[in-house]
Protein backbone atom coordinates (compact mmCIF):
# COMPACT_ATOMS: atom_id res chain seq x y z
CA MET A 1 7.18 134.15 79.11
CA LYS A 2 10.16 136.59 78.17
CA LYS A 3 12.96 135.06 76.61
CA GLU A 4 16.48 134.24 77.35
CA TYR A 5 18.77 136.58 76.44
CA LYS A 6 21.30 135.36 74.67
CA SER A 7 25.01 136.21 74.22
CA GLY A 8 28.56 134.46 72.55
CA PHE A 9 31.05 134.56 69.67
CA VAL A 10 30.88 133.27 65.93
CA THR A 11 33.92 133.58 63.76
CA LEU A 12 34.07 133.32 60.21
CA ILE A 13 35.86 131.29 58.39
CA GLY A 14 36.67 130.83 54.43
CA ARG A 15 39.11 130.83 52.25
CA PRO A 16 40.81 134.44 50.96
CA ASN A 17 37.75 136.72 48.81
CA VAL A 18 34.72 134.57 49.97
CA GLY A 19 33.15 137.74 51.76
CA LYS A 20 33.89 137.55 55.03
CA SER A 21 34.23 140.87 55.77
CA THR A 22 31.25 142.09 53.21
CA LEU A 23 28.67 139.86 55.58
CA MET A 24 29.90 141.03 58.70
CA ASN A 25 30.04 144.69 57.58
CA GLN A 26 26.77 143.96 56.18
CA ILE A 27 25.40 142.19 59.27
CA ILE A 28 26.76 145.03 61.55
CA GLY A 29 25.26 147.73 59.42
CA GLN A 30 28.27 149.75 59.20
CA LYS A 31 32.24 149.41 57.88
CA ILE A 32 34.67 147.95 60.15
CA ALA A 33 36.52 145.30 58.24
CA ILE A 34 38.07 146.41 55.04
CA THR A 35 37.24 144.82 51.60
CA SER A 36 38.73 144.20 48.35
CA ASN A 37 39.24 141.33 45.55
CA LYS A 38 42.90 140.73 46.51
CA PRO A 39 43.72 137.77 49.13
CA GLN A 40 45.13 138.71 52.54
CA THR A 41 42.55 141.74 52.84
CA THR A 42 42.07 140.65 56.68
CA ARG A 43 45.06 140.26 58.45
CA ASN A 44 43.93 140.65 62.43
CA ARG A 45 41.42 139.03 63.99
CA ILE A 46 38.33 141.82 64.24
CA GLN A 47 35.75 141.74 66.63
CA THR A 48 32.59 143.46 65.98
CA VAL A 49 29.06 143.66 67.83
CA TYR A 50 26.02 142.95 67.04
CA THR A 51 23.20 143.70 69.52
CA SER A 52 19.65 143.26 69.26
CA GLU A 53 16.52 142.66 71.72
CA GLU A 54 17.50 138.81 71.19
CA GLY A 55 21.39 139.34 72.63
CA GLN A 56 24.52 140.16 71.37
CA ILE A 57 26.55 138.43 68.72
CA ILE A 58 30.50 139.17 69.06
CA PHE A 59 31.79 138.31 65.68
CA LEU A 60 35.45 137.32 65.11
CA ASP A 61 36.66 138.21 61.41
CA THR A 62 40.20 135.91 60.68
CA PRO A 63 42.54 136.21 58.15
CA GLY A 64 41.01 133.25 55.56
CA ILE A 65 42.80 129.94 56.02
CA HIS A 66 45.48 129.17 53.33
CA LYS A 67 49.10 127.19 53.23
CA ALA A 68 51.62 129.68 54.46
CA LYS A 69 54.38 131.12 52.48
CA ASN A 70 56.21 133.16 55.03
CA LYS A 71 55.93 134.40 58.85
CA LEU A 72 52.57 136.81 57.90
CA GLY A 73 51.10 134.04 56.58
CA GLU A 74 52.21 131.19 59.10
CA TYR A 75 50.63 133.99 61.99
CA MET A 76 47.28 134.57 59.73
CA VAL A 77 46.83 130.48 59.74
CA ASN A 78 47.65 130.27 63.21
CA VAL A 79 45.03 132.86 64.74
CA ALA A 80 42.43 131.71 62.17
CA GLU A 81 42.49 127.94 63.32
CA ARG A 82 43.13 128.93 66.76
CA THR A 83 39.63 130.63 66.79
CA LEU A 84 37.76 127.93 66.27
CA ASN A 85 37.93 126.39 69.88
CA GLU A 86 37.32 129.56 71.32
CA VAL A 87 33.67 130.16 70.22
CA ASP A 88 29.97 129.09 70.03
CA VAL A 89 29.73 129.00 66.60
CA VAL A 90 31.33 128.54 63.37
CA LEU A 91 30.51 130.11 60.11
CA TRP A 92 32.03 128.87 57.20
CA LEU A 93 31.33 130.78 53.75
CA VAL A 94 31.83 129.03 50.31
CA GLU A 95 31.27 130.45 47.21
CA PRO A 96 28.21 128.70 45.32
CA SER A 97 29.67 126.29 43.40
CA THR A 98 29.39 122.37 43.23
CA PHE A 99 33.82 122.09 43.15
CA ILE A 100 35.03 121.70 46.09
CA GLY A 101 38.57 122.47 45.73
CA ALA A 102 41.61 121.88 48.04
CA GLY A 103 41.27 125.13 49.75
CA GLU A 104 37.78 123.68 50.80
CA LYS A 105 39.09 120.28 52.08
CA HIS A 106 41.82 121.99 53.95
CA ILE A 107 39.06 124.31 55.93
CA ALA A 108 36.64 120.93 56.21
CA GLU A 109 39.73 119.13 57.69
CA GLN A 110 40.79 121.93 60.21
CA LEU A 111 36.85 121.35 60.82
CA THR A 112 36.70 117.45 62.34
CA LYS A 113 39.17 118.78 64.92
CA VAL A 114 36.53 121.01 66.64
CA LYS A 115 33.17 120.26 68.28
CA THR A 116 31.68 124.15 68.20
CA PRO A 117 28.47 124.01 65.91
CA VAL A 118 29.46 124.93 62.36
CA ILE A 119 26.62 126.81 60.07
CA LEU A 120 27.63 126.65 56.28
CA VAL A 121 26.97 129.75 54.67
CA ILE A 122 26.58 129.49 50.54
CA ASN A 123 27.30 133.43 49.53
CA LYS A 124 27.30 135.55 46.07
CA ILE A 125 23.63 133.59 45.99
CA ASP A 126 22.74 137.14 43.84
CA THR A 127 25.44 135.65 41.09
CA VAL A 128 23.62 132.69 40.30
CA LYS A 129 20.20 131.55 39.20
CA LYS A 130 17.52 130.41 42.29
CA GLU A 131 17.36 126.89 41.09
CA GLU A 132 20.74 126.34 41.49
CA ILE A 133 21.11 126.75 44.89
CA LEU A 134 20.14 123.11 45.55
CA ASN A 135 23.03 121.62 43.67
CA PHE A 136 25.37 124.08 45.43
CA ILE A 137 23.82 122.74 49.06
CA ASN A 138 23.96 118.94 48.05
CA ALA A 139 27.69 119.30 46.85
CA TYR A 140 28.29 120.19 50.49
CA LYS A 141 25.74 118.52 52.61
CA ASP A 142 28.49 115.67 52.94
CA VAL A 143 31.55 117.48 53.44
CA HIS A 144 30.81 117.82 57.34
CA ASP A 145 28.41 117.77 60.02
CA PHE A 146 26.77 120.64 59.59
CA THR A 147 24.22 122.51 62.10
CA ALA A 148 22.57 124.12 59.08
CA ILE A 149 23.06 125.52 55.39
CA ILE A 150 21.99 129.25 54.61
CA PRO A 151 22.62 130.84 51.35
CA VAL A 152 23.19 134.37 51.46
CA SER A 153 24.10 137.77 49.79
CA ALA A 154 26.64 139.53 51.50
CA ALA A 155 26.57 142.58 49.14
CA LYS A 156 22.91 142.89 49.42
CA GLY A 157 22.07 141.48 52.75
CA GLU A 158 19.74 138.54 51.51
CA ASN A 159 18.72 136.33 53.61
CA LYS A 160 20.61 137.99 56.73
CA GLU A 161 17.88 137.77 58.95
CA ASN A 162 17.46 134.33 58.73
CA LEU A 163 21.24 133.94 59.18
CA ILE A 164 21.33 135.57 62.49
CA GLY A 165 18.02 133.76 63.79
CA GLU A 166 20.09 130.36 63.10
CA ILE A 167 23.30 131.91 64.99
CA PHE A 168 21.07 132.62 67.76
CA LYS A 169 19.94 128.91 68.40
CA TYR A 170 23.25 128.23 69.19
CA LEU A 171 24.18 130.48 71.51
CA PRO A 172 23.88 130.10 75.46
CA ALA A 173 22.02 132.54 77.67
CA GLY A 174 24.81 135.20 79.04
CA PRO A 175 24.30 138.95 79.78
CA MET A 176 25.91 141.80 77.12
CA PHE A 177 29.69 141.48 76.87
CA PHE A 178 29.82 145.18 75.32
CA ASP A 179 27.25 148.13 75.63
CA GLU A 180 24.56 148.23 73.05
CA ASP A 181 26.37 151.33 71.42
CA THR A 182 29.33 149.27 71.11
CA ILE A 183 30.51 148.01 67.53
CA THR A 184 33.74 146.86 67.59
CA ASP A 185 37.15 146.54 69.63
CA GLN A 186 39.33 148.14 67.47
CA PRO A 187 40.73 151.11 68.52
CA GLU A 188 40.37 153.99 65.89
CA ARG A 189 43.78 154.51 64.87
CA GLN A 190 43.60 150.67 63.82
CA ILE A 191 40.59 151.32 61.54
CA VAL A 192 42.27 154.44 60.27
CA SER A 193 45.25 152.58 58.90
CA GLU A 194 43.16 149.27 57.42
CA LEU A 195 40.73 152.24 55.53
CA ILE A 196 44.37 153.23 54.40
CA ARG A 197 45.40 149.80 53.15
CA GLU A 198 41.87 149.39 51.82
CA LYS A 199 42.32 152.03 49.34
CA ALA A 200 45.79 150.74 48.47
CA LEU A 201 45.02 147.30 47.66
CA ARG A 202 42.32 148.57 45.57
CA LEU A 203 44.42 150.90 43.71
CA LEU A 204 47.61 149.49 43.08
CA ASN A 205 48.78 146.47 40.78
CA ASP A 206 48.40 142.78 41.86
CA GLU A 207 51.58 142.13 42.81
CA ILE A 208 52.19 144.80 45.33
CA PRO A 209 49.14 145.10 48.02
CA HIS A 210 50.21 141.54 49.68
CA GLY A 211 53.40 143.49 50.33
CA ILE A 212 52.56 146.28 52.24
CA ALA A 213 51.29 147.72 55.81
CA VAL A 214 50.29 150.86 57.18
CA SER A 215 51.69 152.85 60.20
CA ILE A 216 49.82 155.34 61.89
CA GLU A 217 52.38 158.10 62.79
CA SER A 218 50.34 160.28 64.80
CA MET A 219 46.50 161.30 64.86
CA LYS A 220 46.15 165.10 66.72
CA GLU A 221 42.70 166.94 67.29
CA ARG A 222 42.86 170.58 66.62
CA ASN A 223 40.40 173.44 66.10
CA HIS A 224 38.61 172.15 69.27
CA GLY A 225 38.10 169.02 67.93
CA LYS A 226 36.52 169.32 64.62
CA MET A 227 39.68 168.68 62.54
CA MET A 228 42.25 165.82 62.83
CA ASP A 229 45.76 165.84 61.28
CA ILE A 230 46.64 162.08 60.57
CA ASP A 231 50.53 161.43 59.47
CA ALA A 232 50.48 157.72 57.79
CA THR A 233 53.41 155.69 56.42
CA ILE A 234 52.71 153.02 53.79
CA ILE A 235 55.19 150.13 54.09
CA CYS A 236 56.55 148.25 50.96
CA GLU A 237 59.15 145.42 50.53
CA ARG A 238 60.66 147.19 47.38
CA ASP A 239 61.95 149.95 45.70
CA SER A 240 60.19 149.60 42.44
CA HIS A 241 56.64 149.46 44.54
CA LYS A 242 57.55 152.70 46.22
CA GLY A 243 57.58 154.18 42.88
CA ILE A 244 54.24 152.51 41.83
CA ILE A 245 52.79 153.53 44.87
CA ILE A 246 53.72 157.00 44.82
CA GLY A 247 53.21 157.55 40.91
CA LYS A 248 54.26 159.69 38.64
CA GLN A 249 54.27 163.22 40.17
CA GLY A 250 52.76 161.43 43.35
CA ALA A 251 49.19 161.15 41.30
CA MET A 252 48.59 157.61 42.76
CA LEU A 253 49.48 158.24 46.54
CA LYS A 254 47.18 161.30 46.11
CA LYS A 255 44.66 159.29 44.97
CA ILE A 256 44.86 156.77 47.70
CA GLY A 257 45.37 159.55 49.99
CA SER A 258 42.09 161.51 48.88
CA ASN A 259 39.95 158.03 48.42
CA ALA A 260 40.75 157.04 52.25
CA ARG A 261 40.60 160.79 53.51
CA LYS A 262 36.65 160.48 52.81
CA GLU A 263 35.93 157.29 54.51
CA ILE A 264 37.97 158.30 57.56
CA GLU A 265 36.13 161.65 58.06
CA ASN A 266 32.65 159.40 57.36
CA LEU A 267 34.05 157.12 60.35
CA LEU A 268 35.38 160.06 62.64
CA ASP A 269 32.65 162.45 61.98
CA LEU A 270 35.47 165.11 61.94
CA HIS A 271 37.19 166.88 58.77
CA VAL A 272 40.80 165.36 58.25
CA ASN A 273 44.18 166.39 57.50
CA LEU A 274 45.71 163.32 55.82
CA GLN A 275 49.33 163.26 54.80
CA LEU A 276 50.57 160.04 53.30
CA TRP A 277 54.39 158.87 52.94
CA VAL A 278 56.00 155.64 51.87
CA LYS A 279 58.89 153.62 53.37
CA VAL A 280 60.90 150.54 51.94
CA LYS A 281 61.36 147.75 54.70
CA LYS A 282 62.80 144.69 52.74
CA ASP A 283 60.76 141.72 53.88
CA TRP A 284 58.91 142.92 56.68
CA ARG A 285 56.52 140.11 56.53
CA ASP A 286 59.16 137.88 57.70
CA SER A 287 60.46 139.99 60.68
CA ASP A 288 58.86 139.72 63.92
CA PHE A 289 59.75 142.89 65.07
CA PHE A 290 58.16 144.47 62.04
CA LEU A 291 54.92 142.75 62.31
CA ARG A 292 54.63 143.72 65.54
CA ASN A 293 55.55 147.16 65.28
CA TYR A 294 52.57 147.27 62.28
CA GLY A 295 49.86 146.26 64.75
CA PHE A 296 50.22 142.45 64.63
CA ASN A 297 49.13 140.54 67.89
CA LYS A 298 52.47 139.63 69.54
CA ASN A 299 50.41 136.63 71.47
CA GLU A 300 48.75 135.22 68.18
CA MET A 301 52.11 135.11 66.59
CA ASP A 302 54.06 133.41 69.27
């Protein structure tokens, strides 16, 4: 007898920097969500799609749940917490540690309000000894009534198949929501702006990245679709930041541009001519107008 086809929605939650985007990219097999070791890398809820013969999983990668400090922070936390009740399964990613900090306790508290099945995913097991993993499982097992606890390495893809199998156990029978070749609902412009932001996050000093956004001014094909001209603006909060982003004789901006261009060419499968500009918009993270202007979803801000 043929197994029922299953489909449903899964959200990844966890403190910033636990590897949510890396895990999602690993499962999908393609880079959609940007990754960096800086907090607040993911700002919008990103939808990616995993399709197999067994079924279809739609992943929502949410911004990390944390204590909000400004409008952007509030928006990100609202998006993350609202998602918990809208999905079929919650994946909670944690670091391999026996210490359960305030951030994890805050998430555990949010999870008491939802009836959704929660799978605990202990990530980065490639960084610890195998015999220690049981200690981490024991430390977490009573924090919440988990349906399963699965250790993985998102970076190396270790135990990925077990995790996918576990997710399918809790998804309802249902049709495909997307064509089998769809991997994301993100518009091309959004992914391009995120790739530029990722390169800036990786190359700049710690204090700057929180305060940057990337706005795509135009994307135009030429040479019968063989070349794409992209104009983009990096928005920052201070004049001093603008100087650092541009760098000595434009060197930093050039580096951000050339690193981003390579990935954008891979994504679009076209030659890309990327022009980057830098503008200062003070306190844009506390302005509803600017947040909407830079691609944050209006409905999730209200």
